[in-house]
Protein backbone atom coordinates (compact mmCIF):
# COMPACT_ATOMS: atom_id res chain seq x y z
CA MET A 1 14.04 14.78 10.24
CA THR A 2 14.25 11.77 7.93
CA ALA A 3 11.35 9.33 7.92
CA SER A 4 11.46 5.63 7.01
CA ILE A 5 11.65 4.33 3.44
CA ARG A 6 10.40 0.82 2.74
CA LEU A 7 10.77 -0.93 -0.60
CA GLY A 8 8.98 -4.11 -1.52
CA THR A 9 6.72 -6.05 -3.87
CA ALA A 10 3.04 -6.80 -4.34
CA GLY A 11 2.76 -10.33 -3.01
CA TRP A 12 5.52 -12.87 -2.50
CA VAL A 13 4.37 -15.88 -4.54
CA PHE A 14 5.32 -15.66 -8.22
CA GLU A 15 6.74 -18.58 -10.19
CA PRO A 16 9.41 -16.62 -12.14
CA TRP A 17 10.90 -15.35 -8.87
CA ARG A 18 11.89 -18.96 -8.09
CA LYS A 19 14.44 -18.63 -10.87
CA SER A 20 15.60 -15.05 -10.30
CA PHE A 21 15.07 -14.08 -6.63
CA TYR A 22 14.55 -17.12 -4.43
CA PRO A 23 17.48 -19.55 -4.11
CA ASP A 24 17.25 -22.82 -6.02
CA GLY A 25 15.57 -25.46 -3.90
CA LEU A 26 14.07 -23.04 -1.36
CA PRO A 27 10.84 -24.65 -0.09
CA HIS A 28 7.81 -22.64 -1.14
CA LYS A 29 6.67 -22.33 2.47
CA GLN A 30 9.91 -20.45 3.24
CA GLU A 31 9.53 -17.85 0.49
CA LEU A 32 7.79 -15.25 2.66
CA ALA A 33 10.49 -15.48 5.33
CA TYR A 34 13.22 -15.10 2.69
CA ALA A 35 11.53 -12.10 1.05
CA ALA A 36 10.60 -10.37 4.33
CA ALA A 37 14.19 -10.52 5.56
CA ARG A 38 15.35 -8.65 2.46
CA LEU A 39 12.49 -6.21 1.77
CA GLY A 40 10.96 -3.47 3.88
CA ASN A 41 7.31 -4.27 3.17
CA ILE A 42 5.05 -6.48 1.07
CA GLU A 43 1.54 -5.71 -0.14
CA ILE A 44 -1.00 -8.46 0.62
CA ASN A 45 -3.14 -8.92 -2.48
CA ALA A 46 -5.20 -11.92 -1.29
CA THR A 47 -7.36 -9.62 0.84
CA PHE A 48 -8.69 -7.99 -2.33
CA HIS A 49 -10.23 -11.25 -3.51
CA SER A 50 -11.52 -12.74 -0.25
CA HIS A 51 -11.47 -12.34 3.51
CA GLN A 52 -8.45 -14.04 5.06
CA LYS A 53 -8.62 -15.76 8.44
CA PRO A 54 -6.93 -14.49 11.61
CA ALA A 55 -4.78 -17.62 11.65
CA SER A 56 -3.46 -16.79 8.18
CA PHE A 57 -2.43 -13.28 9.23
CA ALA A 58 -0.84 -14.61 12.42
CA GLY A 59 1.03 -17.23 10.41
CA TRP A 60 2.43 -14.58 8.09
CA VAL A 61 3.55 -12.51 11.07
CA ALA A 62 5.41 -15.52 12.48
CA GLN A 63 7.47 -15.74 9.29
CA THR A 64 8.63 -12.11 9.28
CA PRO A 65 11.31 -10.28 11.31
CA PRO A 66 10.70 -7.31 13.62
CA GLY A 67 10.63 -4.06 11.66
CA PHE A 68 8.90 -5.57 8.63
CA VAL A 69 5.34 -4.52 7.74
CA PHE A 70 2.55 -5.71 5.48
CA THR A 71 0.23 -3.35 3.66
CA VAL A 72 -3.26 -4.69 3.04
CA LYS A 73 -5.26 -4.25 -0.14
CA GLY A 74 -8.93 -3.43 0.49
CA HIS A 75 -11.65 -5.92 -0.48
CA GLN A 76 -13.12 -5.80 -3.99
CA LEU A 77 -16.67 -5.80 -2.59
CA VAL A 78 -16.01 -2.28 -1.34
CA THR A 79 -14.10 -0.93 -4.33
CA HIS A 80 -15.25 -2.82 -7.43
CA LEU A 81 -18.65 -4.38 -6.70
CA LYS A 82 -20.25 -1.67 -4.55
CA ARG A 83 -17.96 1.02 -5.99
CA LEU A 84 -17.71 2.81 -2.60
CA LYS A 85 -21.49 3.10 -2.22
CA ASP A 86 -23.30 1.75 0.89
CA VAL A 87 -20.13 0.12 2.20
CA GLU A 88 -20.26 0.61 5.98
CA ILE A 89 -21.04 -3.05 6.76
CA PRO A 90 -18.70 -4.44 4.06
CA LEU A 91 -15.97 -2.30 5.61
CA ALA A 92 -16.86 -3.60 9.07
CA ASN A 93 -16.68 -7.20 7.85
CA PHE A 94 -13.35 -6.57 6.16
CA PHE A 95 -11.78 -4.99 9.24
CA ALA A 96 -13.22 -7.75 11.46
CA SER A 97 -11.95 -10.57 9.24
CA GLY A 98 -8.56 -10.83 10.92
CA VAL A 99 -6.39 -7.97 9.66
CA LEU A 100 -5.79 -6.88 13.27
CA ALA A 101 -3.92 -10.14 13.84
CA LEU A 102 -1.01 -8.51 11.97
CA GLY A 103 -0.37 -6.48 15.13
CA ASP A 104 2.79 -4.41 14.83
CA ARG A 105 3.30 -5.71 11.28
CA LEU A 106 0.20 -3.83 10.07
CA GLY A 107 1.02 -1.07 7.61
CA PRO A 108 -1.39 1.04 5.53
CA PHE A 109 -4.52 -0.19 3.80
CA CYS A 110 -4.61 0.37 0.04
CA TRP A 111 -7.96 0.94 -1.69
CA GLN A 112 -7.56 0.38 -5.43
CA LEU A 113 -10.47 1.72 -7.49
CA PRO A 114 -11.56 0.29 -10.84
CA GLY A 115 -10.37 2.11 -13.92
CA ASN A 116 -13.90 2.97 -15.04
CA LEU A 117 -14.94 4.60 -11.76
CA SER A 118 -15.04 8.36 -12.24
CA TYR A 119 -14.74 11.05 -9.59
CA ASP A 120 -17.87 11.65 -7.52
CA ALA A 121 -17.02 14.07 -4.73
CA ALA A 122 -20.04 13.24 -2.57
CA ARG A 123 -19.63 9.46 -2.81
CA LEU A 124 -15.92 9.73 -2.12
CA GLU A 125 -16.48 11.99 0.88
CA THR A 126 -18.87 9.48 2.44
CA PHE A 127 -16.32 6.70 1.93
CA LEU A 128 -13.40 8.70 3.32
CA ALA A 129 -15.42 9.64 6.40
CA LEU A 130 -16.12 5.96 7.09
CA LEU A 131 -12.46 4.94 7.10
CA PRO A 132 -11.19 4.43 10.67
CA LYS A 133 -8.14 6.58 11.46
CA THR A 134 -7.13 5.04 14.82
CA PRO A 135 -7.01 1.48 16.22
CA ALA A 136 -9.97 2.30 18.48
CA GLU A 137 -12.05 3.53 15.53
CA LEU A 138 -11.12 0.40 13.55
CA VAL A 139 -12.20 -1.89 16.38
CA ALA A 140 -15.44 0.06 16.78
CA LEU A 141 -16.30 -0.30 13.09
CA ALA A 142 -15.22 -3.96 13.01
CA GLY A 143 -17.58 -4.56 15.91
CA ARG A 144 -20.48 -3.84 13.55
CA ALA A 145 -19.68 -6.90 11.40
CA ASP A 146 -22.73 -8.98 10.50
CA ASP A 147 -23.28 -12.70 9.82
CA ARG A 148 -22.04 -12.38 6.25
CA LEU A 149 -18.51 -12.48 7.69
CA LYS A 150 -18.99 -16.23 8.36
CA THR A 151 -16.41 -16.20 11.18
CA PRO A 152 -16.34 -14.54 14.61
CA PRO A 153 -15.08 -10.94 14.34
CA TYR A 154 -11.44 -10.49 15.32
CA LEU A 155 -11.24 -7.37 17.48
CA ASP A 156 -7.87 -7.62 19.25
CA ALA A 157 -5.78 -4.57 18.25
CA THR A 158 -2.74 -5.50 20.34
CA GLY A 159 0.40 -4.11 18.75
CA VAL A 160 -1.41 -1.92 16.21
CA ALA A 161 0.05 1.55 16.62
CA SER A 162 -1.60 3.44 13.77
CA VAL A 163 -4.19 3.09 11.02
CA ARG A 164 -3.40 4.60 7.64
CA HIS A 165 -5.13 4.49 4.27
CA ALA A 166 -4.08 5.07 0.67
CA ILE A 167 -6.31 5.23 -2.40
CA GLU A 168 -5.33 4.37 -5.95
CA VAL A 169 -7.42 5.97 -8.72
CA ARG A 170 -7.19 5.24 -12.42
CA HIS A 171 -9.68 7.60 -14.04
CA ALA A 172 -8.63 10.97 -15.43
CA SER A 173 -11.56 12.75 -13.76
CA PHE A 174 -9.76 12.48 -10.40
CA ALA A 175 -7.02 14.83 -11.60
CA THR A 176 -8.51 17.84 -9.83
CA PRO A 177 -7.48 20.00 -6.85
CA GLU A 178 -10.85 19.28 -5.21
CA PHE A 179 -9.97 15.58 -4.99
CA LEU A 180 -6.57 16.37 -3.49
CA ALA A 181 -8.21 18.62 -0.89
CA GLN A 182 -10.60 15.84 0.15
CA LEU A 183 -7.74 13.39 0.67
CA ARG A 184 -5.74 15.93 2.68
CA ALA A 185 -8.71 16.65 4.92
CA HIS A 186 -8.87 12.94 5.83
CA ASN A 187 -5.09 12.27 5.82
CA VAL A 188 -5.50 9.64 3.08
CA ALA A 189 -2.54 9.16 0.74
CA LEU A 190 -2.96 9.37 -3.02
CA VAL A 191 -1.15 6.39 -4.52
CA ALA A 192 1.53 7.33 -7.02
CA ALA A 193 0.92 4.65 -9.65
CA ASP A 194 3.70 5.85 -11.98
CA THR A 195 1.90 5.03 -15.22
CA ALA A 196 1.24 6.95 -18.41
CA GLU A 197 -2.44 7.09 -17.42
CA TRP A 198 -1.74 8.26 -13.85
CA PRO A 199 1.78 9.71 -13.55
CA TYR A 200 1.09 12.09 -10.66
CA PHE A 201 3.06 12.26 -7.41
CA ASP A 202 0.91 14.69 -5.39
CA GLN A 203 1.19 14.03 -1.65
CA THR A 204 -1.96 14.21 0.47
CA ALA A 205 -1.13 12.51 3.79
CA ASP A 206 1.56 12.25 6.44
CA PHE A 207 3.00 9.24 4.58
CA ALA A 208 3.59 8.35 0.93
CA TYR A 209 2.41 5.26 -0.96
CA LEU A 210 3.84 4.32 -4.37
CA ARG A 211 2.96 1.39 -6.64
CA LEU A 212 5.73 1.51 -9.23
CA GLN A 213 4.77 -0.35 -12.39
CA GLY A 214 7.32 0.66 -15.00
CA ALA A 215 8.50 4.00 -16.30
CA PRO A 216 5.44 5.72 -17.85
CA GLY A 217 5.15 4.59 -21.46
CA ALA A 218 7.49 1.64 -20.91
CA ASP A 219 7.08 -1.86 -19.53
CA SER A 220 10.20 -1.93 -17.35
CA TYR A 221 12.69 0.22 -15.46
CA GLY A 222 16.25 0.90 -16.51
CA ALA A 223 19.00 2.03 -14.16
CA ALA A 224 18.31 5.71 -14.87
CA GLU A 225 14.59 5.38 -14.02
CA ARG A 226 15.37 3.45 -10.83
CA ASN A 227 17.88 6.10 -9.79
CA GLN A 228 15.35 8.85 -10.41
CA ARG A 229 12.75 7.13 -8.30
CA ALA A 230 15.30 6.51 -5.56
CA SER A 231 15.90 10.26 -5.55
CA TRP A 232 12.16 10.91 -5.33
CA LEU A 233 11.80 8.52 -2.38
CA ARG A 234 14.66 10.24 -0.58
CA ASP A 235 13.05 13.62 -1.22
CA LEU A 236 9.75 12.44 0.25
CA ALA A 237 11.42 11.04 3.36
CA GLU A 238 13.54 14.14 3.91
CA GLY A 239 10.74 16.69 3.49
CA ARG A 240 11.24 17.88 -0.09
CA SER A 241 8.95 17.88 -3.12
CA PRO A 242 10.38 15.31 -5.58
CA ALA A 243 12.20 17.26 -8.27
CA GLY A 244 10.69 16.72 -11.71
CA ALA A 245 7.83 14.49 -10.53
CA PRO A 246 4.55 15.38 -12.28
CA VAL A 247 1.79 16.76 -10.05
CA ILE A 248 -1.84 17.89 -10.38
CA GLY A 249 -1.66 20.82 -8.00
CA PRO A 250 1.15 23.21 -7.07
CA PRO A 251 4.06 21.73 -5.07
CA GLU A 252 3.79 21.94 -1.30
CA THR A 253 5.42 25.03 0.17
CA VAL A 254 6.84 23.22 3.20
CA PRO A 255 6.46 19.46 2.69
CA PRO A 256 6.87 17.35 5.84
CA ALA A 257 9.17 14.36 6.13
CA ARG A 258 7.05 11.35 5.24
CA ASP A 259 7.31 7.62 5.85
CA VAL A 260 7.46 6.02 2.40
CA HIS A 261 5.91 2.71 1.36
CA ALA A 262 6.94 1.82 -2.20
CA PHE A 263 6.21 -1.35 -4.16
CA PHE A 264 7.30 -2.61 -7.54
CA VAL A 265 4.26 -4.27 -9.09
CA SER A 266 2.32 -5.45 -12.14
CA THR A 267 3.79 -4.52 -15.48
CA ASP A 268 7.38 -5.48 -14.71
CA LYS A 269 6.51 -7.98 -12.01
CA GLU A 270 9.19 -10.48 -13.01
CA HIS A 271 11.89 -7.98 -12.04
CA ALA A 272 10.06 -6.49 -9.04
CA PRO A 273 12.34 -7.93 -6.32
CA HIS A 274 15.42 -6.93 -8.35
CA ASN A 275 14.10 -3.40 -8.78
CA ALA A 276 13.28 -3.10 -5.08
CA ARG A 277 16.68 -4.39 -4.03
CA ALA A 278 18.45 -2.13 -6.52
CA VAL A 279 16.72 0.98 -5.19
CA MET A 280 17.40 -0.15 -1.63
CA ALA A 281 21.09 -0.41 -2.50
CA THR A 282 21.07 3.09 -4.02
CA LEU A 283 19.53 4.44 -0.82
CA ALA A 284 21.83 2.36 1.43
CA LEU A 285 18.87 0.48 2.91
CA ARG A 286 19.01 -3.04 4.28
CA GLY A 287 16.24 -5.53 4.85
CA PRO A 288 15.07 -6.01 8.47
CA GLY A 289 16.56 -9.50 8.54
CA GLU A 290 19.97 -8.59 7.13
């Protein structure tokens, strides 16, 4: 069995892309539609900074073709300000803010931890246990939103087929088998960040989540690095451990075929759409609007 592979970018608004990716003269309000037709997924970063309104999510859906998905970055109140502690109501407010309006365009949630947050098994376990794993659980938690949300809770899960979570860590103390075991117990994916500080590709869920930032130790990807990562994505989708990818624990004995969500981000952001499209071409993938 081969699962799906989706390539994309973090966000869709970036001035340099108007010279290298978007056609000259394309109205800014049409950039999402152009990108979504040619990429498999896009990570929404605005949700990290503030709650977005249901109308905003619905508007983004209207600009994307069937088969495209958004992944949603978790709110900074949960990850950076409260640092995963006492976050049940902040999580409820986040899930009630309007994310469900994405409907069948809703992909995984990505929880990016601050670089100075070290591994605390007990705190992490409490957080992982709070994360809803089904649409019904998400609606139930969102129903606990309080008046700090400022808007009526949005609790319509129409079209939402699954609820998945990925966590990105950036502190060396997380490089332990105990951490991997916790994620596997909750079916939460460990983000492969592909950096010199966190180069690991251990898989901990029934899907894979990669935020590709530039070959470790470099600030961009060359053709050889893109081809290697294309091979790794194919391995993940076809049920193989990626050959040569660094891991914390031993490789899985019988890895399952996994849906893959991969994004080119950050360090080499200017070339992110080019990198995504190049890897898509290597894997013979087409955008949902092509």
